[in-house]
Each structure stands twice: as structure tokens, then as C-alpha cells.
Amino acid sequence: MITRPDGQGIDLIYDTTSGHLQTISVPRGNYNYGYTTAGRLTSDVVLLDPVALIDQLAHIVASGLGDRAAHLGMIL
């Protein structure tokens, strides 16, 4: 769990086998990601609010999570 400066939490949930990001849990809800058998992100990711997701990701990057934050940036 990442706690933002405003006290709200962001949780990144990864698949324990593949290491792929499965879910970003934010105060507005969850962003779920699916992958093909080749490990490519599927195109059917539904965003609750794209602007809010960008805001959440900006907080993640600002918190200095390194590779995990870079992985999230590639998703966008």
C-alpha cells in the first residue's frame, strides 16, 4: 500500500507467478489489467476516470518506486 500525502491509499497488486500488474486499487475503485498468453497487455482495460488515473500514477512516480513506477508508465 502506498499512502499519498493526502492520506489516501494506492495498492498495486501483482500476479505472484508472472509478476504482471493485475490491479491498481485507488480510492475511486479498481483498475484491472489482463494479459495475453505471450504476456502482452490486452486492449480491454477499462478506466474509471483516465484523468484520475494519471493523477494517481503521478503520485506513485513521485513516491520513488523506480521500476514498478516505470512499468506503470509503459501501460499508459
Protein backbone atom coordinates (compact mmCIF):
# COMPACT_ATOMS: atom_id res chain seq x y z
CA MET A 1 0.00 0.00 0.00
CA ILE A 2 1.24 3.44 -0.91
CA THR A 3 -0.09 6.26 1.20
CA ARG A 4 -0.36 9.55 -0.63
CA PRO A 5 0.35 12.84 1.12
CA ASP A 6 -3.43 13.40 1.33
CA GLY A 7 -3.76 10.15 3.33
CA GLN A 8 -5.49 8.15 0.61
CA GLY A 9 -4.03 4.80 -0.40
CA ILE A 10 -2.97 3.23 -3.67
CA ASP A 11 -2.43 -0.50 -3.81
CA LEU A 12 -0.56 -2.27 -6.63
CA ILE A 13 -1.41 -5.96 -6.92
CA TYR A 14 0.91 -8.17 -8.96
CA ASP A 15 0.41 -11.75 -10.14
CA THR A 16 2.64 -13.92 -7.97
CA THR A 17 3.56 -16.23 -10.86
CA SER A 18 4.10 -13.89 -13.81
CA GLY A 19 4.90 -10.68 -11.95
CA HIS A 20 2.43 -8.78 -14.14
CA LEU A 21 0.46 -5.93 -12.66
CA GLN A 22 -3.11 -7.19 -12.13
CA THR A 23 -4.85 -4.37 -10.30
CA ILE A 24 -4.33 -0.79 -9.25
CA SER A 25 -6.65 -0.10 -6.35
CA VAL A 26 -7.38 3.60 -5.84
CA PRO A 27 -9.99 5.40 -3.74
CA ARG A 28 -12.36 5.64 -6.75
CA GLY A 29 -12.20 1.90 -7.47
CA ASN A 30 -10.01 -0.70 -9.15
CA TYR A 31 -8.25 -0.76 -12.49
CA ASN A 32 -7.86 -4.37 -13.59
CA TYR A 33 -5.41 -5.49 -16.26
CA GLY A 34 -5.39 -8.62 -18.39
CA TYR A 35 -2.59 -10.19 -20.40
CA THR A 36 -2.32 -12.49 -23.39
CA THR A 37 -0.51 -15.81 -23.07
CA ALA A 38 2.51 -14.04 -24.61
CA GLY A 39 2.46 -11.57 -21.71
CA ARG A 40 1.19 -8.56 -23.65
CA LEU A 41 -1.32 -6.23 -22.08
CA THR A 42 -4.78 -6.72 -23.57
CA SER A 43 -6.58 -3.73 -25.03
CA ASP A 44 -9.73 -4.20 -22.97
CA VAL A 45 -8.61 -2.26 -19.89
CA VAL A 46 -11.49 -0.07 -18.71
CA LEU A 47 -10.58 3.14 -16.95
CA LEU A 48 -12.90 4.55 -14.32
CA ASP A 49 -11.61 8.05 -14.95
CA PRO A 50 -8.48 8.48 -17.12
CA VAL A 51 -7.63 11.86 -15.61
CA ALA A 52 -7.85 10.44 -12.09
CA LEU A 53 -5.62 7.51 -13.08
CA ILE A 54 -2.96 9.86 -14.42
CA ASP A 55 -3.14 11.79 -11.15
CA GLN A 56 -2.74 8.57 -9.15
CA LEU A 57 0.22 7.47 -11.28
CA ALA A 58 1.88 10.85 -10.82
CA HIS A 59 1.75 10.28 -7.06
CA ILE A 60 3.26 6.80 -7.50
CA VAL A 61 6.11 8.13 -9.62
CA ALA A 62 6.70 10.96 -7.15
CA SER A 63 7.00 8.43 -4.32
CA GLY A 64 10.12 6.97 -5.99
CA LEU A 65 9.09 3.40 -6.72
CA GLY A 66 11.62 3.02 -9.51
CA ASP A 67 10.99 0.04 -11.80
CA ARG A 68 7.40 -0.51 -10.70
CA ALA A 69 6.54 3.11 -11.48
CA ALA A 70 8.29 2.79 -14.85
CA HIS A 71 6.20 -0.32 -15.58
CA LEU A 72 3.04 1.64 -14.87
CA GLY A 73 4.17 4.39 -17.21
CA MET A 74 4.53 1.85 -20.02
CA ILE A 75 0.90 0.81 -19.56
CA LEU A 76 -0.31 4.29 -20.45
